[in-house]
Amino acid sequence: LLDDIYFIVLDASDETCMHRMKDRLICKNCCNATKKRSDTSMPEHTCKDCGTRLTIRKEDHDQQFLLQRFEKYHRIIEPIIKKLEKAYKVIHIASEQPLQNLYTIYDQLHRL
């Protein structure tokens, strides 16, 4: 059974993550996150899942808060990933590539 365990890590630079967090709206009801400006499928910025009005999370626009999140990720989570790599199959996916490439990767992973 352990041979069938895979861990997937979506890799992105701190700069990309910061940009993505600053460019999102959150549904307070169901926690759905979406881009502020580019998702035109949501009339007047309402959640496409539950219809609740989307809001900006204040923390996502606080540079110091975001830097602390990245520091914590690098200090705590990355060492855990390195330990997992010694015992399990860890698949790293560069999430900064075009979305169509990620769909292709997803299809390939689904066949594993």
N, C-alpha and C. Protein backbone atom coordinates (compact mmCIF):
# COMPACT_ATOMS: atom_id res chain seq x y z
N LEU A 1 0.81 -1.20 0.00
CA LEU A 1 0.00 0.00 0.00
C LEU A 1 0.86 1.27 0.00
N LEU A 2 1.99 1.24 0.70
CA LEU A 2 2.84 2.43 0.77
C LEU A 2 3.41 2.81 -0.59
N ASP A 3 3.52 1.83 -1.50
CA ASP A 3 4.01 2.15 -2.84
C ASP A 3 3.01 2.99 -3.62
N ASP A 4 1.77 3.02 -3.18
CA ASP A 4 0.73 3.77 -3.88
C ASP A 4 0.51 5.16 -3.31
N ILE A 5 1.35 5.59 -2.38
CA ILE A 5 1.20 6.92 -1.78
C ILE A 5 2.08 7.91 -2.53
N TYR A 6 1.45 8.99 -2.98
CA TYR A 6 2.15 10.07 -3.67
C TYR A 6 1.85 11.38 -2.96
N PHE A 7 2.83 12.24 -2.89
CA PHE A 7 2.62 13.59 -2.40
C PHE A 7 2.85 14.53 -3.56
N ILE A 8 1.98 15.49 -3.71
CA ILE A 8 2.10 16.46 -4.80
C ILE A 8 2.40 17.82 -4.18
N VAL A 9 3.47 18.44 -4.66
CA VAL A 9 3.88 19.76 -4.19
C VAL A 9 3.76 20.72 -5.36
N LEU A 10 2.95 21.77 -5.20
CA LEU A 10 2.82 22.81 -6.22
C LEU A 10 3.83 23.90 -5.90
N ASP A 11 4.86 23.99 -6.72
CA ASP A 11 5.93 24.94 -6.48
C ASP A 11 5.66 26.26 -7.19
N ALA A 12 5.89 27.36 -6.48
CA ALA A 12 5.81 28.70 -7.04
C ALA A 12 6.72 29.59 -6.22
N SER A 13 7.24 30.62 -6.85
CA SER A 13 8.13 31.54 -6.13
C SER A 13 7.33 32.36 -5.12
N ASP A 14 8.03 32.89 -4.14
CA ASP A 14 7.38 33.75 -3.15
C ASP A 14 6.72 34.95 -3.84
N GLU A 15 7.37 35.48 -4.85
CA GLU A 15 6.84 36.64 -5.56
C GLU A 15 5.52 36.30 -6.25
N THR A 16 5.46 35.14 -6.89
CA THR A 16 4.23 34.72 -7.55
C THR A 16 3.11 34.52 -6.53
N CYS A 17 3.43 33.87 -5.42
CA CYS A 17 2.42 33.65 -4.38
C CYS A 17 1.92 34.97 -3.81
N MET A 18 2.83 35.91 -3.61
CA MET A 18 2.43 37.20 -3.07
C MET A 18 1.48 37.90 -4.04
N HIS A 19 1.83 37.88 -5.31
CA HIS A 19 0.98 38.50 -6.32
C HIS A 19 -0.40 37.84 -6.35
N ARG A 20 -0.44 36.52 -6.28
CA ARG A 20 -1.71 35.80 -6.31
C ARG A 20 -2.57 36.12 -5.10
N MET A 21 -1.95 36.21 -3.92
CA MET A 21 -2.73 36.49 -2.72
C MET A 21 -3.27 37.92 -2.72
N LYS A 22 -2.48 38.84 -3.27
CA LYS A 22 -2.94 40.22 -3.33
C LYS A 22 -4.02 40.41 -4.39
N ASP A 23 -4.15 39.47 -5.29
CA ASP A 23 -5.11 39.59 -6.39
C ASP A 23 -6.28 38.62 -6.21
N ARG A 24 -6.74 38.43 -4.98
CA ARG A 24 -7.85 37.49 -4.80
C ARG A 24 -8.91 38.05 -3.86
N LEU A 25 -10.08 37.52 -4.07
CA LEU A 25 -11.22 37.80 -3.22
C LEU A 25 -11.63 36.49 -2.56
N ILE A 26 -12.16 36.57 -1.35
CA ILE A 26 -12.53 35.39 -0.58
C ILE A 26 -14.01 35.44 -0.22
N CYS A 27 -14.67 34.30 -0.29
CA CYS A 27 -16.05 34.18 0.17
C CYS A 27 -16.01 33.86 1.67
N LYS A 28 -16.61 34.70 2.48
CA LYS A 28 -16.61 34.45 3.93
C LYS A 28 -17.50 33.28 4.30
N ASN A 29 -18.41 32.91 3.41
CA ASN A 29 -19.33 31.82 3.70
C ASN A 29 -18.69 30.45 3.44
N CYS A 30 -18.14 30.26 2.23
CA CYS A 30 -17.62 28.93 1.87
C CYS A 30 -16.10 28.92 1.63
N CYS A 31 -15.42 30.06 1.82
CA CYS A 31 -13.96 30.19 1.69
C CYS A 31 -13.46 30.01 0.26
N ASN A 32 -14.32 30.08 -0.73
CA ASN A 32 -13.90 30.01 -2.13
C ASN A 32 -13.04 31.25 -2.43
N ALA A 33 -11.91 31.04 -3.08
CA ALA A 33 -11.03 32.16 -3.44
C ALA A 33 -11.02 32.30 -4.96
N THR A 34 -10.99 33.53 -5.42
CA THR A 34 -10.95 33.79 -6.85
C THR A 34 -10.21 35.09 -7.13
N LYS A 35 -9.75 35.25 -8.37
CA LYS A 35 -9.06 36.48 -8.74
C LYS A 35 -10.03 37.64 -8.75
N LYS A 36 -9.54 38.81 -8.35
CA LYS A 36 -10.37 40.01 -8.31
C LYS A 36 -10.79 40.47 -9.69
N ARG A 37 -9.80 40.70 -10.51
CA ARG A 37 -10.06 41.41 -11.74
C ARG A 37 -10.34 40.52 -12.94
N SER A 38 -9.83 39.31 -12.93
CA SER A 38 -9.86 38.55 -14.16
C SER A 38 -11.02 37.57 -14.29
N ASP A 39 -11.73 37.27 -13.21
CA ASP A 39 -12.82 36.30 -13.30
C ASP A 39 -14.12 37.03 -13.58
N THR A 40 -14.47 37.12 -14.86
CA THR A 40 -15.66 37.86 -15.25
C THR A 40 -16.92 37.02 -15.17
N SER A 41 -16.79 35.75 -14.78
CA SER A 41 -17.97 34.90 -14.67
C SER A 41 -18.78 35.20 -13.41
N MET A 42 -18.25 36.05 -12.53
CA MET A 42 -18.94 36.37 -11.28
C MET A 42 -19.52 37.77 -11.37
N PRO A 43 -20.83 37.88 -11.51
CA PRO A 43 -21.42 39.22 -11.55
C PRO A 43 -21.22 39.95 -10.23
N GLU A 44 -20.68 41.16 -10.32
CA GLU A 44 -20.47 42.02 -9.15
C GLU A 44 -19.75 41.32 -8.00
N HIS A 45 -18.81 40.50 -8.33
CA HIS A 45 -17.97 39.81 -7.34
C HIS A 45 -18.76 39.03 -6.30
N THR A 46 -19.59 38.13 -6.78
CA THR A 46 -20.29 37.21 -5.89
C THR A 46 -19.72 35.82 -6.10
N CYS A 47 -19.75 35.01 -5.07
CA CYS A 47 -19.20 33.66 -5.12
C CYS A 47 -19.99 32.81 -6.11
N LYS A 48 -19.27 32.13 -7.01
CA LYS A 48 -19.96 31.30 -8.00
C LYS A 48 -20.49 30.00 -7.38
N ASP A 49 -20.05 29.67 -6.16
CA ASP A 49 -20.55 28.45 -5.50
C ASP A 49 -21.78 28.71 -4.64
N CYS A 50 -21.77 29.82 -3.87
CA CYS A 50 -22.88 30.02 -2.93
C CYS A 50 -23.60 31.36 -3.10
N GLY A 51 -23.07 32.25 -3.95
CA GLY A 51 -23.75 33.52 -4.21
C GLY A 51 -23.46 34.63 -3.23
N THR A 52 -22.64 34.36 -2.21
CA THR A 52 -22.30 35.37 -1.20
C THR A 52 -21.33 36.39 -1.80
N ARG A 53 -21.45 37.63 -1.38
CA ARG A 53 -20.55 38.68 -1.88
C ARG A 53 -19.12 38.39 -1.42
N LEU A 54 -18.17 38.53 -2.33
CA LEU A 54 -16.76 38.27 -2.03
C LEU A 54 -16.12 39.51 -1.40
N THR A 55 -15.12 39.27 -0.56
CA THR A 55 -14.43 40.36 0.12
C THR A 55 -12.92 40.17 0.02
N ILE A 56 -12.20 41.22 0.34
CA ILE A 56 -10.74 41.17 0.39
C ILE A 56 -10.33 40.80 1.80
N ARG A 57 -9.41 39.84 1.92
CA ARG A 57 -8.85 39.54 3.25
C ARG A 57 -7.76 40.55 3.53
N LYS A 58 -7.92 41.28 4.60
CA LYS A 58 -6.96 42.34 4.95
C LYS A 58 -5.54 41.79 5.05
N GLU A 59 -5.40 40.57 5.61
CA GLU A 59 -4.07 39.99 5.79
C GLU A 59 -3.35 39.77 4.46
N ASP A 60 -4.12 39.50 3.40
CA ASP A 60 -3.52 39.22 2.10
C ASP A 60 -2.89 40.46 1.47
N HIS A 61 -3.17 41.63 2.03
CA HIS A 61 -2.61 42.86 1.50
C HIS A 61 -1.58 43.47 2.44
N ASP A 62 -1.26 42.76 3.50
CA ASP A 62 -0.25 43.21 4.47
C ASP A 62 1.07 42.54 4.13
N GLN A 63 1.99 43.31 3.59
CA GLN A 63 3.28 42.79 3.13
C GLN A 63 4.02 42.03 4.23
N GLN A 64 4.04 42.57 5.44
CA GLN A 64 4.76 41.92 6.54
C GLN A 64 4.13 40.58 6.89
N PHE A 65 2.80 40.51 6.92
CA PHE A 65 2.09 39.27 7.20
C PHE A 65 2.45 38.20 6.15
N LEU A 66 2.45 38.60 4.89
CA LEU A 66 2.77 37.64 3.82
C LEU A 66 4.21 37.15 3.93
N LEU A 67 5.13 38.05 4.22
CA LEU A 67 6.53 37.65 4.37
C LEU A 67 6.70 36.67 5.52
N GLN A 68 5.95 36.86 6.61
CA GLN A 68 6.00 35.93 7.74
C GLN A 68 5.46 34.56 7.33
N ARG A 69 4.42 34.53 6.51
CA ARG A 69 3.88 33.25 6.04
C ARG A 69 4.91 32.51 5.20
N PHE A 70 5.61 33.23 4.32
CA PHE A 70 6.62 32.58 3.48
C PHE A 70 7.79 32.07 4.32
N GLU A 71 8.22 32.87 5.29
CA GLU A 71 9.32 32.45 6.17
C GLU A 71 8.93 31.18 6.92
N LYS A 72 7.71 31.11 7.41
CA LYS A 72 7.23 29.94 8.14
C LYS A 72 7.18 28.72 7.21
N TYR A 73 6.74 28.92 5.99
CA TYR A 73 6.71 27.83 5.01
C TYR A 73 8.12 27.28 4.77
N HIS A 74 9.07 28.18 4.54
CA HIS A 74 10.45 27.75 4.26
C HIS A 74 11.10 27.09 5.48
N ARG A 75 10.77 27.56 6.66
CA ARG A 75 11.39 27.05 7.89
C ARG A 75 10.76 25.73 8.34
N ILE A 76 9.44 25.58 8.17
CA ILE A 76 8.75 24.41 8.73
C ILE A 76 8.34 23.40 7.67
N ILE A 77 7.70 23.86 6.63
CA ILE A 77 7.11 22.95 5.64
C ILE A 77 8.16 22.34 4.70
N GLU A 78 9.08 23.14 4.21
CA GLU A 78 10.09 22.60 3.29
C GLU A 78 10.90 21.46 3.90
N PRO A 79 11.33 21.55 5.18
CA PRO A 79 12.03 20.40 5.77
C PRO A 79 11.15 19.14 5.85
N ILE A 80 9.87 19.32 6.08
CA ILE A 80 8.95 18.17 6.10
C ILE A 80 8.89 17.53 4.71
N ILE A 81 8.82 18.35 3.68
CA ILE A 81 8.80 17.82 2.31
C ILE A 81 10.07 17.05 2.02
N LYS A 82 11.21 17.57 2.45
CA LYS A 82 12.49 16.87 2.24
C LYS A 82 12.50 15.50 2.92
N LYS A 83 11.92 15.42 4.11
CA LYS A 83 11.83 14.13 4.81
C LYS A 83 10.89 13.17 4.08
N LEU A 84 9.78 13.70 3.59
CA LEU A 84 8.84 12.86 2.84
C LEU A 84 9.49 12.28 1.59
N GLU A 85 10.35 13.08 0.95
CA GLU A 85 11.00 12.64 -0.28
C GLU A 85 11.90 11.42 -0.05
N LYS A 86 12.36 11.23 1.16
CA LYS A 86 13.21 10.08 1.46
C LYS A 86 12.41 8.79 1.57
N ALA A 87 11.11 8.90 1.88
CA ALA A 87 10.31 7.70 2.12
C ALA A 87 9.18 7.47 1.11
N TYR A 88 8.77 8.54 0.42
CA TYR A 88 7.61 8.44 -0.48
C TYR A 88 7.92 9.09 -1.82
N LYS A 89 7.02 8.87 -2.74
CA LYS A 89 7.12 9.53 -4.04
C LYS A 89 6.53 10.92 -3.91
N VAL A 90 7.36 11.93 -4.12
CA VAL A 90 6.92 13.33 -4.07
C VAL A 90 7.05 13.89 -5.47
N ILE A 91 5.95 14.38 -5.97
CA ILE A 91 5.90 14.93 -7.33
C ILE A 91 5.85 16.45 -7.20
N HIS A 92 6.85 17.13 -7.76
CA HIS A 92 6.89 18.60 -7.76
C HIS A 92 6.33 19.08 -9.09
N ILE A 93 5.39 20.01 -9.00
CA ILE A 93 4.79 20.59 -10.19
C ILE A 93 5.02 22.10 -10.14
N ALA A 94 5.61 22.63 -11.20
CA ALA A 94 5.82 24.07 -11.29
C ALA A 94 4.48 24.72 -11.62
N SER A 95 3.89 25.39 -10.65
CA SER A 95 2.55 25.94 -10.85
C SER A 95 2.55 27.28 -11.56
N GLU A 96 3.71 27.76 -11.95
CA GLU A 96 3.78 29.04 -12.66
C GLU A 96 3.63 28.87 -14.17
N GLN A 97 3.48 27.66 -14.63
CA GLN A 97 3.33 27.42 -16.06
C GLN A 97 1.89 27.66 -16.50
N PRO A 98 1.65 27.71 -17.80
CA PRO A 98 0.28 27.95 -18.29
C PRO A 98 -0.71 26.91 -17.76
N LEU A 99 -1.93 27.36 -17.54
CA LEU A 99 -2.96 26.51 -16.97
C LEU A 99 -3.20 25.25 -17.80
N GLN A 100 -3.13 25.36 -19.10
CA GLN A 100 -3.35 24.19 -19.96
C GLN A 100 -2.33 23.10 -19.68
N ASN A 101 -1.09 23.47 -19.40
CA ASN A 101 -0.07 22.49 -19.06
C ASN A 101 -0.43 21.77 -17.76
N LEU A 102 -0.99 22.52 -16.80
CA LEU A 102 -1.36 21.92 -15.52
C LEU A 102 -2.50 20.91 -15.71
N TYR A 103 -3.42 21.19 -16.62
CA TYR A 103 -4.49 20.23 -16.91
C TYR A 103 -3.90 18.94 -17.47
N THR A 104 -2.91 19.07 -18.34
CA THR A 104 -2.25 17.89 -18.91
C THR A 104 -1.56 17.09 -17.82
N ILE A 105 -0.86 17.77 -16.93
CA ILE A 105 -0.18 17.11 -15.82
C ILE A 105 -1.20 16.40 -14.93
N TYR A 106 -2.31 17.07 -14.65
CA TYR A 106 -3.35 16.48 -13.83
C TYR A 106 -3.85 15.18 -14.46
N ASP A 107 -4.09 15.20 -15.77
CA ASP A 107 -4.55 13.99 -16.46
C ASP A 107 -3.52 12.87 -16.33
N GLN A 108 -2.24 13.20 -16.44
CA GLN A 108 -1.19 12.19 -16.30
C GLN A 108 -1.16 11.63 -14.88
N LEU A 109 -1.29 12.51 -13.89
CA LEU A 109 -1.27 12.05 -12.50
C LEU A 109 -2.50 11.19 -12.18
N HIS A 110 -3.60 11.53 -12.78
CA HIS A 110 -4.82 10.79 -12.52
C HIS A 110 -4.70 9.32 -12.97
N ARG A 111 -3.82 9.08 -13.93
CA ARG A 111 -3.62 7.72 -14.44
C ARG A 111 -2.68 6.90 -13.57
N LEU A 112 -2.01 7.52 -12.61
CA LEU A 112 -1.05 6.78 -11.76
C LEU A 112 -1.74 5.73 -10.91
